Amino acid sequence: MNIHLSLAPLVALVAGVLILVMPRLLNFIVAIYLIVIGLIGLFGTGHFLK
């Protein structure tokens, strides 16, 4: 049985919870999310899973 965990939905879930708990962090969370998604898009997920 293989379980594949995607990073983008996990990051989105954490960001959403943090925004609900601390709405003032919205700008930072969105910026960090965009940076992470951009890095994943440039380098692919293979580098993070090894």
PDB file of N, CA and C in Angstrom:
ATOM      1  N   MET A   1       0.844  -1.179   0.000  1.00  0.00           N
ATOM      2  CA  MET A   1       0.000   0.000   0.000  1.00  0.00           C
ATOM      3  C   MET A   1       0.884   1.236   0.000  1.00  0.00           C
ATOM      4  N   ASN A   2       0.749   2.048  -1.024  1.00  0.00           N
ATOM      5  CA  ASN A   2       1.534   3.269  -1.135  1.00  0.00           C
ATOM      6  C   ASN A   2       0.666   4.474  -0.821  1.00  0.00           C
ATOM      7  N   ILE A   3       1.205   5.385  -0.029  1.00  0.00           N
ATOM      8  CA  ILE A   3       0.517   6.631   0.285  1.00  0.00           C
ATOM      9  C   ILE A   3       1.362   7.771  -0.269  1.00  0.00           C
ATOM     10  N   HIS A   4       0.786   8.557  -1.177  1.00  0.00           N
ATOM     11  CA  HIS A   4       1.497   9.679  -1.763  1.00  0.00           C
ATOM     12  C   HIS A   4       0.964  10.965  -1.136  1.00  0.00           C
ATOM     13  N   LEU A   5       1.852  11.733  -0.536  1.00  0.00           N
ATOM     14  CA  LEU A   5       1.472  12.983   0.111  1.00  0.00           C
ATOM     15  C   LEU A   5       1.965  14.135  -0.735  1.00  0.00           C
ATOM     16  N   SER A   6       1.060  14.974  -1.201  1.00  0.00           N
ATOM     17  CA  SER A   6       1.438  16.143  -1.968  1.00  0.00           C
ATOM     18  C   SER A   6       1.738  17.286  -1.006  1.00  0.00           C
ATOM     19  N   LEU A   7       2.743  18.054  -1.345  1.00  0.00           N
ATOM     20  CA  LEU A   7       3.170  19.136  -0.462  1.00  0.00           C
ATOM     21  C   LEU A   7       2.249  20.350  -0.544  1.00  0.00           C
ATOM     22  N   ALA A   8       1.774  20.686  -1.724  1.00  0.00           N
ATOM     23  CA  ALA A   8       0.957  21.887  -1.905  1.00  0.00           C
ATOM     24  C   ALA A   8      -0.331  21.861  -1.067  1.00  0.00           C
ATOM     25  N   PRO A   9      -1.116  20.771  -1.082  1.00  0.00           N
ATOM     26  CA  PRO A   9      -2.326  20.771  -0.242  1.00  0.00           C
ATOM     27  C   PRO A   9      -2.011  20.840   1.251  1.00  0.00           C
ATOM     28  N   LEU A  10      -0.905  20.233   1.650  1.00  0.00           N
ATOM     29  CA  LEU A  10      -0.519  20.285   3.058  1.00  0.00           C
ATOM     30  C   LEU A  10      -0.155  21.701   3.478  1.00  0.00           C
ATOM     31  N   VAL A  11       0.604  22.389   2.643  1.00  0.00           N
ATOM     32  CA  VAL A  11       0.974  23.782   2.923  1.00  0.00           C
ATOM     33  C   VAL A  11      -0.269  24.670   2.945  1.00  0.00           C
ATOM     34  N   ALA A  12      -1.182  24.425   2.017  1.00  0.00           N
ATOM     35  CA  ALA A  12      -2.415  25.211   1.977  1.00  0.00           C
ATOM     36  C   ALA A  12      -3.250  24.993   3.233  1.00  0.00           C
ATOM     37  N   LEU A  13      -3.295  23.768   3.720  1.00  0.00           N
ATOM     38  CA  LEU A  13      -4.052  23.470   4.933  1.00  0.00           C
ATOM     39  C   LEU A  13      -3.450  24.181   6.142  1.00  0.00           C
ATOM     40  N   VAL A  14      -2.139  24.106   6.282  1.00  0.00           N
ATOM     41  CA  VAL A  14      -1.469  24.775   7.399  1.00  0.00           C
ATOM     42  C   VAL A  14      -1.667  26.279   7.313  1.00  0.00           C
ATOM     43  N   ALA A  15      -1.534  26.841   6.116  1.00  0.00           N
ATOM     44  CA  ALA A  15      -1.721  28.286   5.932  1.00  0.00           C
ATOM     45  C   ALA A  15      -3.145  28.701   6.292  1.00  0.00           C
ATOM     46  N   GLY A  16      -4.119  27.912   5.873  1.00  0.00           N
ATOM     47  CA  GLY A  16      -5.508  28.232   6.186  1.00  0.00           C
ATOM     48  C   GLY A  16      -5.789  28.220   7.682  1.00  0.00           C
ATOM     49  N   VAL A  17      -5.235  27.250   8.382  1.00  0.00           N
ATOM     50  CA  VAL A  17      -5.430  27.174   9.836  1.00  0.00           C
ATOM     51  C   VAL A  17      -4.762  28.377  10.523  1.00  0.00           C
ATOM     52  N   LEU A  18      -3.553  28.716  10.097  1.00  0.00           N
ATOM     53  CA  LEU A  18      -2.862  29.855  10.693  1.00  0.00           C
ATOM     54  C   LEU A  18      -3.599  31.161  10.435  1.00  0.00           C
ATOM     55  N   ILE A  19      -4.183  31.308   9.247  1.00  0.00           N
ATOM     56  CA  ILE A  19      -4.952  32.524   8.947  1.00  0.00           C
ATOM     57  C   ILE A  19      -6.190  32.595   9.827  1.00  0.00           C
ATOM     58  N   LEU A  20      -6.832  31.456  10.083  1.00  0.00           N
ATOM     59  CA  LEU A  20      -8.001  31.465  10.962  1.00  0.00           C
ATOM     60  C   LEU A  20      -7.624  31.831  12.392  1.00  0.00           C
ATOM     61  N   VAL A  21      -6.477  31.342  12.856  1.00  0.00           N
ATOM     62  CA  VAL A  21      -6.060  31.594  14.229  1.00  0.00           C
ATOM     63  C   VAL A  21      -5.535  33.020  14.390  1.00  0.00           C
ATOM     64  N   MET A  22      -4.735  33.473  13.426  1.00  0.00           N
ATOM     65  CA  MET A  22      -4.116  34.803  13.509  1.00  0.00           C
ATOM     66  C   MET A  22      -4.294  35.519  12.176  1.00  0.00           C
ATOM     67  N   PRO A  23      -5.384  36.227  11.971  1.00  0.00           N
ATOM     68  CA  PRO A  23      -5.643  36.883  10.682  1.00  0.00           C
ATOM     69  C   PRO A  23      -4.583  37.918  10.292  1.00  0.00           C
ATOM     70  N   ARG A  24      -3.850  38.448  11.253  1.00  0.00           N
ATOM     71  CA  ARG A  24      -2.837  39.453  10.938  1.00  0.00           C
ATOM     72  C   ARG A  24      -1.648  38.853  10.182  1.00  0.00           C
ATOM     73  N   LEU A  25      -1.524  37.521  10.196  1.00  0.00           N
ATOM     74  CA  LEU A  25      -0.423  36.860   9.504  1.00  0.00           C
ATOM     75  C   LEU A  25      -0.715  36.607   8.026  1.00  0.00           C
ATOM     76  N   LEU A  26      -1.845  37.069   7.538  1.00  0.00           N
ATOM     77  CA  LEU A  26      -2.266  36.751   6.177  1.00  0.00           C
ATOM     78  C   LEU A  26      -1.208  37.111   5.135  1.00  0.00           C
ATOM     79  N   ASN A  27      -0.642  38.310   5.198  1.00  0.00           N
ATOM     80  CA  ASN A  27       0.346  38.728   4.199  1.00  0.00           C
ATOM     81  C   ASN A  27       1.562  37.815   4.204  1.00  0.00           C
ATOM     82  N   PHE A  28       2.063  37.479   5.388  1.00  0.00           N
ATOM     83  CA  PHE A  28       3.250  36.634   5.475  1.00  0.00           C
ATOM     84  C   PHE A  28       2.957  35.218   5.005  1.00  0.00           C
ATOM     85  N   ILE A  29       1.800  34.692   5.372  1.00  0.00           N
ATOM     86  CA  ILE A  29       1.456  33.329   4.983  1.00  0.00           C
ATOM     87  C   ILE A  29       1.292  33.231   3.475  1.00  0.00           C
ATOM     88  N   VAL A  30       0.638  34.217   2.869  1.00  0.00           N
ATOM     89  CA  VAL A  30       0.466  34.200   1.423  1.00  0.00           C
ATOM     90  C   VAL A  30       1.820  34.307   0.728  1.00  0.00           C
ATOM     91  N   ALA A  31       2.693  35.168   1.223  1.00  0.00           N
ATOM     92  CA  ALA A  31       4.021  35.322   0.624  1.00  0.00           C
ATOM     93  C   ALA A  31       4.818  34.022   0.734  1.00  0.00           C
ATOM     94  N   ILE A  32       4.817  33.405   1.896  1.00  0.00           N
ATOM     95  CA  ILE A  32       5.555  32.153   2.089  1.00  0.00           C
ATOM     96  C   ILE A  32       4.971  31.055   1.209  1.00  0.00           C
ATOM     97  N   TYR A  33       3.646  30.993   1.125  1.00  0.00           N
ATOM     98  CA  TYR A  33       2.996  29.984   0.297  1.00  0.00           C
ATOM     99  C   TYR A  33       3.402  30.144  -1.170  1.00  0.00           C
ATOM    100  N   LEU A  34       3.384  31.374  -1.651  1.00  0.00           N
ATOM    101  CA  LEU A  34       3.746  31.604  -3.040  1.00  0.00           C
ATOM    102  C   LEU A  34       5.205  31.258  -3.308  1.00  0.00           C
ATOM    103  N   ILE A  35       6.082  31.561  -2.364  1.00  0.00           N
ATOM    104  CA  ILE A  35       7.492  31.219  -2.517  1.00  0.00           C
ATOM    105  C   ILE A  35       7.674  29.707  -2.558  1.00  0.00           C
ATOM    106  N   VAL A  36       7.008  28.994  -1.660  1.00  0.00           N
ATOM    107  CA  VAL A  36       7.131  27.535  -1.618  1.00  0.00           C
ATOM    108  C   VAL A  36       6.603  26.910  -2.903  1.00  0.00           C
ATOM    109  N   ILE A  37       5.447  27.353  -3.374  1.00  0.00           N
ATOM    110  CA  ILE A  37       4.871  26.806  -4.601  1.00  0.00           C
ATOM    111  C   ILE A  37       5.776  27.125  -5.797  1.00  0.00           C
ATOM    112  N   GLY A  38       6.350  28.312  -5.807  1.00  0.00           N
ATOM    113  CA  GLY A  38       7.277  28.668  -6.876  1.00  0.00           C
ATOM    114  C   GLY A  38       8.519  27.796  -6.875  1.00  0.00           C
ATOM    115  N   LEU A  39       9.066  27.523  -5.696  1.00  0.00           N
ATOM    116  CA  LEU A  39      10.244  26.659  -5.608  1.00  0.00           C
ATOM    117  C   LEU A  39       9.920  25.233  -6.039  1.00  0.00           C
ATOM    118  N   ILE A  40       8.758  24.744  -5.649  1.00  0.00           N
ATOM    119  CA  ILE A  40       8.345  23.404  -6.068  1.00  0.00           C
ATOM    120  C   ILE A  40       8.175  23.372  -7.586  1.00  0.00           C
ATOM    121  N   GLY A  41       7.622  24.426  -8.145  1.00  0.00           N
ATOM    122  CA  GLY A  41       7.450  24.474  -9.594  1.00  0.00           C
ATOM    123  C   GLY A  41       8.775  24.514 -10.335  1.00  0.00           C
ATOM    124  N   LEU A  42       9.752  25.215  -9.786  1.00  0.00           N
ATOM    125  CA  LEU A  42      11.055  25.313 -10.446  1.00  0.00           C
ATOM    126  C   LEU A  42      11.878  24.042 -10.321  1.00  0.00           C
ATOM    127  N   PHE A  43      11.920  23.484  -9.136  1.00  0.00           N
ATOM    128  CA  PHE A  43      12.815  22.361  -8.873  1.00  0.00           C
ATOM    129  C   PHE A  43      12.119  21.008  -8.856  1.00  0.00           C
ATOM    130  N   GLY A  44      10.814  20.980  -8.792  1.00  0.00           N
ATOM    131  CA  GLY A  44      10.069  19.720  -8.756  1.00  0.00           C
ATOM    132  C   GLY A  44      10.036  19.153  -7.341  1.00  0.00           C
ATOM    133  N   THR A  45       9.181  18.162  -7.122  1.00  0.00           N
ATOM    134  CA  THR A  45       9.037  17.588  -5.790  1.00  0.00           C
ATOM    135  C   THR A  45      10.046  16.495  -5.527  1.00  0.00           C
ATOM    136  N   GLY A  46      10.743  16.017  -6.536  1.00  0.00           N
ATOM    137  CA  GLY A  46      11.693  14.932  -6.363  1.00  0.00           C
ATOM    138  C   GLY A  46      12.827  15.282  -5.414  1.00  0.00           C
ATOM    139  N   HIS A  47      13.230  16.523  -5.366  1.00  0.00           N
ATOM    140  CA  HIS A  47      14.334  16.935  -4.497  1.00  0.00           C
ATOM    141  C   HIS A  47      13.919  16.931  -3.026  1.00  0.00           C
ATOM    142  N   PHE A  48      12.631  17.153  -2.759  1.00  0.00           N
ATOM    143  CA  PHE A  48      12.178  17.228  -1.376  1.00  0.00           C
ATOM    144  C   PHE A  48      11.895  15.847  -0.784  1.00  0.00           C
ATOM    145  N   LEU A  49      11.668  14.861  -1.624  1.00  0.00           N
ATOM    146  CA  LEU A  49      11.264  13.550  -1.137  1.00  0.00           C
ATOM    147  C   LEU A  49      12.432  12.580  -0.975  1.00  0.00           C
ATOM    148  N   LYS A  50      13.622  12.934  -1.388  1.00  0.00           N
ATOM    149  CA  LYS A  50      14.764  12.011  -1.294  1.00  0.00           C
ATOM    150  C   LYS A  50      15.433  12.091   0.045  1.00  0.00           C
TER     151      LYS A  50
END
